Amino acid sequence: MMELALTVNGRAVREVVEPRLLLTDFLRYRLGLTGTHVGCEHGVCGACTVRVDGVAVRGCCLLAVQADGCAVETVESLAGTMRLSPLQESFKRHHALQCGFCTPGILIAAHDLLSRGTPTRAEIVDMLSGHLCRCTGYAPIVDAIEDARDAVSRVPEGGR
């Protein structure tokens, strides 16, 4: 057993875990953050995407103990207590989700991409190439991310 201390969605967490526990399993089963989905368990589908120290990573390819001392963000971090984030609102407006299984990972990856600048449509499509969605055909997802990108760029300086 190993002691683990990290920050998850802004909250300090200290747990004792088995060294082989995956970050996804830690988040889902120890912390109850079930927005992080597990699909392929090989880092291919993107459903398990979370941010660790501000970088999007595949949670199924990371041991919980590897996140010791880090700040982890899950899809639950995007919304306020009673409101969807602008990115989530855009997904809703554009019907960019259907079954919803891939959505949390895509939202985190899109949030990560948008936090780094103003991506082009081609860059959004490239980011999505690492995420499997069997329902939407991706077009509404790309449109939603572009809409969220454009909404952020319209916010006056100091109003973010």
N, C-alpha and C. Protein backbone atom coordinates (compact mmCIF):
# COMPACT_ATOMS: atom_id res chain seq x y z
N MET A 1 0.85 -1.19 0.00
CA MET A 1 0.00 0.00 0.00
C MET A 1 0.89 1.25 0.00
N MET A 2 0.39 2.30 -0.64
CA MET A 2 1.13 3.56 -0.72
C MET A 2 0.20 4.71 -0.40
N GLU A 3 0.76 5.71 0.27
CA GLU A 3 -0.02 6.91 0.55
C GLU A 3 0.05 7.84 -0.66
N LEU A 4 -1.08 8.42 -0.96
CA LEU A 4 -1.23 9.28 -2.12
C LEU A 4 -1.83 10.60 -1.65
N ALA A 5 -1.22 11.71 -2.05
CA ALA A 5 -1.76 13.04 -1.74
C ALA A 5 -1.79 13.84 -3.03
N LEU A 6 -2.97 14.30 -3.40
CA LEU A 6 -3.12 15.07 -4.62
C LEU A 6 -4.31 16.01 -4.47
N THR A 7 -4.50 16.83 -5.46
CA THR A 7 -5.66 17.72 -5.49
C THR A 7 -6.54 17.26 -6.64
N VAL A 8 -7.82 17.04 -6.36
CA VAL A 8 -8.76 16.62 -7.39
C VAL A 8 -9.88 17.65 -7.46
N ASN A 9 -9.98 18.29 -8.60
CA ASN A 9 -11.00 19.33 -8.81
C ASN A 9 -10.94 20.40 -7.71
N GLY A 10 -9.72 20.75 -7.32
CA GLY A 10 -9.52 21.80 -6.33
C GLY A 10 -9.61 21.36 -4.89
N ARG A 11 -9.86 20.09 -4.66
CA ARG A 11 -10.01 19.57 -3.30
C ARG A 11 -8.81 18.68 -2.96
N ALA A 12 -8.20 18.93 -1.81
CA ALA A 12 -7.07 18.09 -1.36
C ALA A 12 -7.59 16.70 -0.99
N VAL A 13 -6.87 15.69 -1.48
CA VAL A 13 -7.24 14.30 -1.23
C VAL A 13 -6.01 13.56 -0.73
N ARG A 14 -6.20 12.77 0.31
CA ARG A 14 -5.13 11.93 0.84
C ARG A 14 -5.73 10.55 1.05
N GLU A 15 -5.16 9.54 0.39
CA GLU A 15 -5.68 8.17 0.46
C GLU A 15 -4.51 7.20 0.50
N VAL A 16 -4.77 6.03 0.99
CA VAL A 16 -3.82 4.92 0.92
C VAL A 16 -4.36 3.97 -0.14
N VAL A 17 -3.53 3.68 -1.15
CA VAL A 17 -3.98 2.88 -2.29
C VAL A 17 -2.97 1.80 -2.62
N GLU A 18 -3.43 0.80 -3.35
CA GLU A 18 -2.52 -0.20 -3.88
C GLU A 18 -1.73 0.44 -5.02
N PRO A 19 -0.45 0.15 -5.15
CA PRO A 19 0.37 0.77 -6.20
C PRO A 19 -0.14 0.50 -7.61
N ARG A 20 -0.87 -0.56 -7.83
CA ARG A 20 -1.34 -0.91 -9.17
C ARG A 20 -2.70 -0.31 -9.53
N LEU A 21 -3.30 0.47 -8.63
CA LEU A 21 -4.62 1.06 -8.88
C LEU A 21 -4.52 2.12 -9.98
N LEU A 22 -5.35 1.98 -11.00
CA LEU A 22 -5.37 2.96 -12.09
C LEU A 22 -6.00 4.26 -11.62
N LEU A 23 -5.57 5.37 -12.21
CA LEU A 23 -6.14 6.67 -11.86
C LEU A 23 -7.65 6.68 -12.11
N THR A 24 -8.10 6.09 -13.20
CA THR A 24 -9.54 6.06 -13.49
C THR A 24 -10.30 5.34 -12.38
N ASP A 25 -9.78 4.22 -11.93
CA ASP A 25 -10.45 3.46 -10.87
C ASP A 25 -10.44 4.23 -9.56
N PHE A 26 -9.35 4.92 -9.29
CA PHE A 26 -9.26 5.75 -8.09
C PHE A 26 -10.33 6.84 -8.13
N LEU A 27 -10.44 7.53 -9.26
CA LEU A 27 -11.41 8.62 -9.38
C LEU A 27 -12.84 8.10 -9.29
N ARG A 28 -13.13 7.02 -9.98
CA ARG A 28 -14.50 6.49 -10.02
C ARG A 28 -14.91 5.81 -8.72
N TYR A 29 -14.07 4.91 -8.23
CA TYR A 29 -14.51 4.03 -7.15
C TYR A 29 -14.08 4.49 -5.76
N ARG A 30 -13.01 5.26 -5.67
CA ARG A 30 -12.59 5.76 -4.37
C ARG A 30 -13.18 7.14 -4.09
N LEU A 31 -13.27 7.97 -5.16
CA LEU A 31 -13.75 9.34 -4.97
C LEU A 31 -15.18 9.55 -5.48
N GLY A 32 -15.75 8.59 -6.15
CA GLY A 32 -17.12 8.70 -6.64
C GLY A 32 -17.29 9.66 -7.81
N LEU A 33 -16.22 9.98 -8.52
CA LEU A 33 -16.27 10.88 -9.67
C LEU A 33 -16.48 10.04 -10.93
N THR A 34 -17.71 9.70 -11.17
CA THR A 34 -18.04 8.74 -12.23
C THR A 34 -18.13 9.36 -13.63
N GLY A 35 -17.83 10.63 -13.76
CA GLY A 35 -17.81 11.26 -15.08
C GLY A 35 -16.66 10.75 -15.93
N THR A 36 -15.59 10.31 -15.31
CA THR A 36 -14.46 9.75 -16.04
C THR A 36 -14.82 8.33 -16.43
N HIS A 37 -14.97 8.09 -17.72
CA HIS A 37 -15.40 6.76 -18.19
C HIS A 37 -14.20 5.91 -18.59
N VAL A 38 -14.40 4.62 -18.53
CA VAL A 38 -13.38 3.67 -18.96
C VAL A 38 -13.95 2.91 -20.14
N GLY A 39 -13.29 3.03 -21.28
CA GLY A 39 -13.77 2.36 -22.48
C GLY A 39 -12.87 1.21 -22.86
N CYS A 40 -11.77 1.52 -23.49
CA CYS A 40 -10.91 0.48 -24.05
C CYS A 40 -9.85 -0.03 -23.07
N GLU A 41 -9.52 0.74 -22.06
CA GLU A 41 -8.47 0.44 -21.09
C GLU A 41 -7.09 0.30 -21.74
N HIS A 42 -6.92 0.94 -22.91
CA HIS A 42 -5.63 0.94 -23.60
C HIS A 42 -5.21 2.35 -24.05
N GLY A 43 -5.98 3.37 -23.66
CA GLY A 43 -5.64 4.74 -24.04
C GLY A 43 -6.02 5.11 -25.46
N VAL A 44 -6.83 4.30 -26.11
CA VAL A 44 -7.18 4.53 -27.51
C VAL A 44 -8.45 5.35 -27.68
N CYS A 45 -9.46 5.09 -26.87
CA CYS A 45 -10.78 5.67 -27.11
C CYS A 45 -10.95 7.09 -26.57
N GLY A 46 -10.17 7.49 -25.57
CA GLY A 46 -10.25 8.84 -25.04
C GLY A 46 -11.32 9.08 -23.99
N ALA A 47 -12.15 8.08 -23.68
CA ALA A 47 -13.24 8.27 -22.72
C ALA A 47 -12.72 8.59 -21.32
N CYS A 48 -11.50 8.19 -21.03
CA CYS A 48 -10.92 8.36 -19.68
C CYS A 48 -10.10 9.64 -19.55
N THR A 49 -10.16 10.53 -20.51
CA THR A 49 -9.31 11.72 -20.49
C THR A 49 -9.60 12.61 -19.29
N VAL A 50 -8.54 12.96 -18.58
CA VAL A 50 -8.56 13.91 -17.46
C VAL A 50 -7.37 14.84 -17.65
N ARG A 51 -7.31 15.89 -16.87
CA ARG A 51 -6.12 16.76 -16.91
C ARG A 51 -5.31 16.54 -15.64
N VAL A 52 -4.02 16.38 -15.81
CA VAL A 52 -3.10 16.24 -14.68
C VAL A 52 -2.09 17.37 -14.83
N ASP A 53 -2.05 18.22 -13.82
CA ASP A 53 -1.20 19.42 -13.85
C ASP A 53 -1.38 20.21 -15.14
N GLY A 54 -2.65 20.33 -15.57
CA GLY A 54 -2.98 21.17 -16.71
C GLY A 54 -2.75 20.54 -18.07
N VAL A 55 -2.49 19.24 -18.12
CA VAL A 55 -2.25 18.56 -19.39
C VAL A 55 -3.23 17.40 -19.52
N ALA A 56 -3.89 17.30 -20.67
CA ALA A 56 -4.83 16.21 -20.91
C ALA A 56 -4.06 14.89 -21.02
N VAL A 57 -4.51 13.89 -20.27
CA VAL A 57 -3.88 12.57 -20.28
C VAL A 57 -4.96 11.50 -20.27
N ARG A 58 -4.58 10.30 -20.61
CA ARG A 58 -5.47 9.14 -20.54
C ARG A 58 -5.37 8.55 -19.14
N GLY A 59 -6.44 8.66 -18.38
CA GLY A 59 -6.45 8.18 -17.00
C GLY A 59 -6.30 6.68 -16.87
N CYS A 60 -6.66 5.93 -17.93
CA CYS A 60 -6.54 4.47 -17.85
C CYS A 60 -5.11 4.00 -18.06
N CYS A 61 -4.23 4.90 -18.48
CA CYS A 61 -2.82 4.55 -18.70
C CYS A 61 -1.92 5.09 -17.59
N LEU A 62 -2.54 5.60 -16.55
CA LEU A 62 -1.78 6.22 -15.47
C LEU A 62 -2.17 5.56 -14.15
N LEU A 63 -1.20 5.20 -13.37
CA LEU A 63 -1.47 4.69 -12.03
C LEU A 63 -1.81 5.86 -11.12
N ALA A 64 -2.67 5.63 -10.17
CA ALA A 64 -3.04 6.70 -9.23
C ALA A 64 -1.80 7.26 -8.54
N VAL A 65 -0.86 6.39 -8.16
CA VAL A 65 0.33 6.86 -7.45
C VAL A 65 1.22 7.74 -8.32
N GLN A 66 1.08 7.65 -9.65
CA GLN A 66 1.83 8.53 -10.53
C GLN A 66 1.30 9.96 -10.47
N ALA A 67 0.09 10.14 -9.97
CA ALA A 67 -0.50 11.47 -9.82
C ALA A 67 -0.24 12.05 -8.43
N ASP A 68 0.55 11.38 -7.63
CA ASP A 68 0.88 11.87 -6.30
C ASP A 68 1.49 13.27 -6.40
N GLY A 69 0.95 14.20 -5.65
CA GLY A 69 1.45 15.57 -5.66
C GLY A 69 0.92 16.43 -6.80
N CYS A 70 0.08 15.87 -7.64
CA CYS A 70 -0.42 16.58 -8.82
C CYS A 70 -1.82 17.15 -8.58
N ALA A 71 -2.21 18.02 -9.51
CA ALA A 71 -3.57 18.55 -9.55
C ALA A 71 -4.29 17.84 -10.69
N VAL A 72 -5.38 17.15 -10.36
CA VAL A 72 -6.16 16.40 -11.34
C VAL A 72 -7.50 17.10 -11.54
N GLU A 73 -7.90 17.24 -12.79
CA GLU A 73 -9.21 17.82 -13.13
C GLU A 73 -10.01 16.78 -13.91
N THR A 74 -11.23 16.55 -13.46
CA THR A 74 -12.15 15.66 -14.18
C THR A 74 -13.26 16.50 -14.80
N VAL A 75 -14.13 15.86 -15.54
CA VAL A 75 -15.23 16.57 -16.18
C VAL A 75 -16.10 17.28 -15.14
N GLU A 76 -16.15 16.75 -13.93
CA GLU A 76 -16.95 17.38 -12.88
C GLU A 76 -16.43 18.78 -12.53
N SER A 77 -15.17 19.07 -12.87
CA SER A 77 -14.59 20.38 -12.56
C SER A 77 -15.07 21.48 -13.51
N LEU A 78 -15.65 21.11 -14.63
CA LEU A 78 -16.02 22.10 -15.64
C LEU A 78 -17.21 22.97 -15.24
N ALA A 79 -18.17 22.39 -14.59
CA ALA A 79 -19.39 23.12 -14.24
C ALA A 79 -19.30 23.71 -12.85
N GLY A 80 -19.98 24.81 -12.67
CA GLY A 80 -20.12 25.37 -11.33
C GLY A 80 -21.09 24.51 -10.55
N THR A 81 -21.48 24.98 -9.40
CA THR A 81 -22.36 24.16 -8.56
C THR A 81 -23.71 23.89 -9.21
N MET A 82 -24.25 24.84 -9.92
CA MET A 82 -25.58 24.64 -10.52
C MET A 82 -25.64 25.05 -11.99
N ARG A 83 -24.49 25.30 -12.62
CA ARG A 83 -24.50 25.77 -14.00
C ARG A 83 -23.54 24.98 -14.85
N LEU A 84 -23.89 24.78 -16.09
CA LEU A 84 -22.97 24.17 -17.04
C LEU A 84 -21.93 25.20 -17.45
N SER A 85 -20.76 24.73 -17.81
CA SER A 85 -19.74 25.63 -18.32
C SER A 85 -20.15 26.08 -19.73
N PRO A 86 -19.56 27.16 -20.24
CA PRO A 86 -19.87 27.58 -21.62
C PRO A 86 -19.63 26.46 -22.64
N LEU A 87 -18.59 25.67 -22.44
CA LEU A 87 -18.31 24.55 -23.34
C LEU A 87 -19.43 23.51 -23.26
N GLN A 88 -19.86 23.18 -22.07
CA GLN A 88 -20.96 22.23 -21.91
C GLN A 88 -22.26 22.78 -22.50
N GLU A 89 -22.52 24.06 -22.30
CA GLU A 89 -23.70 24.68 -22.90
C GLU A 89 -23.66 24.59 -24.42
N SER A 90 -22.47 24.79 -24.98
CA SER A 90 -22.31 24.71 -26.42
C SER A 90 -22.58 23.29 -26.92
N PHE A 91 -22.11 22.29 -26.19
CA PHE A 91 -22.40 20.90 -26.55
C PHE A 91 -23.90 20.65 -26.53
N LYS A 92 -24.57 21.19 -25.55
CA LYS A 92 -26.02 21.03 -25.43
C LYS A 92 -26.73 21.71 -26.62
N ARG A 93 -26.33 22.94 -26.91
CA ARG A 93 -26.95 23.73 -27.98
C ARG A 93 -26.78 23.05 -29.35
N HIS A 94 -25.61 22.44 -29.57
CA HIS A 94 -25.30 21.84 -30.88
C HIS A 94 -25.64 20.35 -30.94
N HIS A 95 -26.26 19.83 -29.90
CA HIS A 95 -26.59 18.39 -29.85
C HIS A 95 -25.34 17.55 -30.12
N ALA A 96 -24.26 17.91 -29.44
CA ALA A 96 -22.97 17.28 -29.67
C ALA A 96 -22.76 16.05 -28.78
N LEU A 97 -23.84 15.51 -28.29
CA LEU A 97 -23.74 14.28 -27.53
C LEU A 97 -24.99 13.48 -27.78
N GLN A 98 -24.84 12.20 -27.72
CA GLN A 98 -26.02 11.35 -27.85
C GLN A 98 -26.01 10.36 -26.70
N CYS A 99 -25.27 9.27 -26.81
CA CYS A 99 -25.28 8.33 -25.68
C CYS A 99 -24.51 8.92 -24.51
N GLY A 100 -23.55 9.80 -24.78
CA GLY A 100 -22.82 10.50 -23.72
C GLY A 100 -21.61 9.78 -23.19
N PHE A 101 -21.32 8.58 -23.64
CA PHE A 101 -20.20 7.83 -23.08
C PHE A 101 -18.86 8.52 -23.37
N CYS A 102 -18.68 9.01 -24.57
CA CYS A 102 -17.42 9.65 -24.93
C CYS A 102 -17.34 11.10 -24.47
N THR A 103 -18.48 11.69 -24.16
CA THR A 103 -18.58 13.13 -23.92
C THR A 103 -17.65 13.66 -22.82
N PRO A 104 -17.55 13.05 -21.65
CA PRO A 104 -16.66 13.60 -20.62
C PRO A 104 -15.21 13.73 -21.08
N GLY A 105 -14.71 12.69 -21.74
CA GLY A 105 -13.33 12.74 -22.22
C GLY A 105 -13.13 13.81 -23.28
N ILE A 106 -14.11 13.94 -24.17
CA ILE A 106 -14.02 14.95 -25.22
C ILE A 106 -14.12 16.35 -24.62
N LEU A 107 -15.00 16.53 -23.64
CA LEU A 107 -15.11 17.84 -22.99
C LEU A 107 -13.80 18.24 -22.33
N ILE A 108 -13.16 17.32 -21.63
CA ILE A 108 -11.88 17.64 -20.98
C ILE A 108 -10.82 17.95 -22.02
N ALA A 109 -10.75 17.15 -23.08
CA ALA A 109 -9.76 17.40 -24.13
C ALA A 109 -10.02 18.73 -24.83
N ALA A 110 -11.29 19.05 -25.08
CA ALA A 110 -11.64 20.33 -25.70
C ALA A 110 -11.32 21.49 -24.77
N HIS A 111 -11.62 21.33 -23.50
CA HIS A 111 -11.28 22.35 -22.50
C HIS A 111 -9.77 22.59 -22.50
N ASP A 112 -9.02 21.50 -22.54
CA ASP A 112 -7.56 21.59 -22.57
C ASP A 112 -7.10 22.34 -23.81
N LEU A 113 -7.65 21.98 -24.97
CA LEU A 113 -7.28 22.63 -26.23
C LEU A 113 -7.61 24.12 -26.19
N LEU A 114 -8.80 24.45 -25.73
CA LEU A 114 -9.22 25.85 -25.68
C LEU A 114 -8.41 26.66 -24.66
N SER A 115 -7.94 26.01 -23.61
CA SER A 115 -7.14 26.71 -22.60
C SER A 115 -5.76 27.09 -23.13
N ARG A 116 -5.36 26.50 -24.23
CA ARG A 116 -4.04 26.75 -24.80
C ARG A 116 -4.04 27.80 -25.91
N GLY A 117 -5.22 28.29 -26.27
CA GLY A 117 -5.27 29.30 -27.32
C GLY A 117 -6.56 29.24 -28.10
N THR A 118 -6.48 29.66 -29.36
CA THR A 118 -7.65 29.70 -30.23
C THR A 118 -7.41 28.71 -31.38
N PRO A 119 -7.85 27.48 -31.20
CA PRO A 119 -7.56 26.47 -32.22
C PRO A 119 -8.38 26.67 -33.49
N THR A 120 -7.78 26.28 -34.59
CA THR A 120 -8.50 26.28 -35.87
C THR A 120 -9.41 25.06 -35.93
N ARG A 121 -10.28 25.05 -36.92
CA ARG A 121 -11.15 23.89 -37.10
C ARG A 121 -10.30 22.63 -37.32
N ALA A 122 -9.23 22.76 -38.10
CA ALA A 122 -8.35 21.61 -38.36
C ALA A 122 -7.71 21.11 -37.06
N GLU A 123 -7.33 22.01 -36.18
CA GLU A 123 -6.74 21.60 -34.89
C GLU A 123 -7.77 20.91 -34.00
N ILE A 124 -9.00 21.37 -34.06
CA ILE A 124 -10.08 20.72 -33.30
C ILE A 124 -10.30 19.31 -33.83
N VAL A 125 -10.37 19.18 -35.15
CA VAL A 125 -10.54 17.86 -35.77
C VAL A 125 -9.38 16.95 -35.41
N ASP A 126 -8.18 17.48 -35.43
CA ASP A 126 -7.00 16.69 -35.06
C ASP A 126 -7.09 16.20 -33.61
N MET A 127 -7.50 17.07 -32.69
CA MET A 127 -7.66 16.67 -31.30
C MET A 127 -8.68 15.55 -31.19
N LEU A 128 -9.77 15.66 -31.93
CA LEU A 128 -10.82 14.66 -31.87
C LEU A 128 -10.40 13.32 -32.48
N SER A 129 -9.33 13.30 -33.24
CA SER A 129 -8.89 12.03 -33.84
C SER A 129 -8.46 11.04 -32.76
N GLY A 130 -8.24 11.51 -31.55
CA GLY A 130 -7.89 10.63 -30.45
C GLY A 130 -9.08 10.23 -29.59
N HIS A 131 -10.29 10.44 -30.09
CA HIS A 131 -11.50 10.13 -29.32
C HIS A 131 -12.48 9.37 -30.21
N LEU A 132 -12.98 8.27 -29.68
CA LEU A 132 -13.95 7.48 -30.42
C LEU A 132 -15.36 7.86 -30.00
N CYS A 133 -16.18 8.23 -30.98
CA CYS A 133 -17.59 8.50 -30.77
C CYS A 133 -18.35 7.73 -31.83
N ARG A 134 -19.25 6.89 -31.39
CA ARG A 134 -19.98 6.06 -32.35
C ARG A 134 -21.35 6.62 -32.68
N CYS A 135 -21.72 7.74 -32.10
CA CYS A 135 -23.09 8.24 -32.28
C CYS A 135 -23.20 9.48 -33.16
N THR A 136 -22.34 10.47 -32.97
CA THR A 136 -22.61 11.79 -33.54
C THR A 136 -22.06 12.03 -34.93
N GLY A 137 -21.06 11.29 -35.36
CA GLY A 137 -20.43 11.62 -36.62
C GLY A 137 -19.47 12.78 -36.50
N TYR A 138 -19.23 13.27 -35.31
CA TYR A 138 -18.24 14.30 -34.97
C TYR A 138 -18.60 15.72 -35.41
N ALA A 139 -19.36 15.91 -36.46
CA ALA A 139 -19.64 17.27 -36.95
C ALA A 139 -20.25 18.16 -35.87
N PRO A 140 -21.25 17.72 -35.12
CA PRO A 140 -21.79 18.59 -34.08
C PRO A 140 -20.79 18.87 -32.96
N ILE A 141 -19.89 17.93 -32.72
CA ILE A 141 -18.87 18.13 -31.68
C ILE A 141 -17.91 19.23 -32.13
N VAL A 142 -17.47 19.16 -33.36
CA VAL A 142 -16.56 20.19 -33.90
C VAL A 142 -17.27 21.55 -33.86
N ASP A 143 -18.52 21.59 -34.30
CA ASP A 143 -19.28 22.85 -34.29
C ASP A 143 -19.40 23.40 -32.87
N ALA A 144 -19.65 22.54 -31.90
CA ALA A 144 -19.80 22.98 -30.51
C ALA A 144 -18.50 23.56 -29.97
N ILE A 145 -17.39 22.91 -30.28
CA ILE A 145 -16.10 23.41 -29.79
C ILE A 145 -15.76 24.73 -30.46
N GLU A 146 -16.04 24.84 -31.76
CA GLU A 146 -15.81 26.12 -32.45
C GLU A 146 -16.68 27.22 -31.85
N ASP A 147 -17.93 26.91 -31.57
CA ASP A 147 -18.83 27.89 -30.97
C ASP A 147 -18.31 28.34 -29.60
N ALA A 148 -17.87 27.40 -28.79
CA ALA A 148 -17.32 27.75 -27.47
C ALA A 148 -16.05 28.58 -27.63
N ARG A 149 -15.21 28.23 -28.59
CA ARG A 149 -13.99 28.99 -28.87
C ARG A 149 -14.34 30.42 -29.25
N ASP A 150 -15.32 30.58 -30.13
CA ASP A 150 -15.72 31.91 -30.59
C ASP A 150 -16.36 32.72 -29.46
N ALA A 151 -17.11 32.07 -28.60
CA ALA A 151 -17.74 32.76 -27.47
C ALA A 151 -16.68 33.30 -26.52
N VAL A 152 -15.64 32.51 -26.29
CA VAL A 152 -14.55 32.96 -25.39
C VAL A 152 -13.83 34.14 -26.01
N SER A 153 -13.62 34.10 -27.33
CA SER A 153 -12.89 35.20 -27.99
C SER A 153 -13.69 36.50 -28.01
N ARG A 154 -15.03 36.40 -27.82
CA ARG A 154 -15.89 37.61 -27.80
C ARG A 154 -15.97 38.25 -26.41
N VAL A 155 -15.48 37.56 -25.39
CA VAL A 155 -15.55 38.10 -24.03
C VAL A 155 -14.53 39.23 -23.91
N PRO A 156 -14.97 40.42 -23.46
CA PRO A 156 -14.03 41.53 -23.32
C PRO A 156 -12.95 41.21 -22.30
N GLU A 157 -11.76 41.78 -22.49
CA GLU A 157 -10.63 41.57 -21.58
C GLU A 157 -11.05 41.90 -20.15
N GLY A 158 -10.70 41.03 -19.23
CA GLY A 158 -11.06 41.21 -17.83
C GLY A 158 -12.41 40.61 -17.47
N GLY A 159 -13.18 40.16 -18.49
CA GLY A 159 -14.50 39.62 -18.24
C GLY A 159 -14.54 38.11 -18.23
N ARG A 160 -13.38 37.47 -18.30
CA ARG A 160 -13.34 36.00 -18.35
C ARG A 160 -13.52 35.40 -17.01
